[in-house]
Amino acid sequence: MNYYQYQTVLGLLTICEENDAVIAINVGHYSENKGEKRESELIRRTYKQFVEYLDGKRKVFDLPLSLKGTDFQKQVWQALRDIPYGETRSYKQIAVAIGNPKAVRAVGMANNRNPLLIVVPCHRVIGTDGKMVGYAAGMDKKEFLLRLEGSLL
């Protein structure tokens, strides 16, 4: 595994890749001791797409991804990837979308374990009442991202 870090408007961005696929993207403190700190071509490309996204020039990421998790988590993460830029969904809507309408809390836990922040847009998930709830990188970052995408005025 290789990783590299960049300073962004969101704070420290850490991008991890393994076997020619992005496996993790974190915002904030990164304490992983595994792997080598090395800026690969894929990591540079990922960062370039992030800069384009943060500049409002990119709405969809085009990167090879490798999501590691349970089958349920992968189902949730795919449903998150189906949320269009500038839109939000509730945890309940995600549970219904994956065919498990009673799994609202489990959807929340899968959301919390999302290894690819922003690329797998867990920031687009809100409470059923339309209020912003939980975000691993912090509510200020979630608010920033939703404003950037125009889904929060």
Foldseek 3Di string as FASTA:
>chain_A
DEKEWDQDPLGIWIWDDDPQATEFIDHDDDDDPDDYHDCDPLNVLVVVQVVCLLVLNDFADDTHHDYDDDPVLVLLLVLLQVAGQLAAEELQVSCVVSPHNVCSVVSVVSLLVGRYDPNSDSLRYDHPVPHRDDDNSDPVVSQSRNVSSNNHD
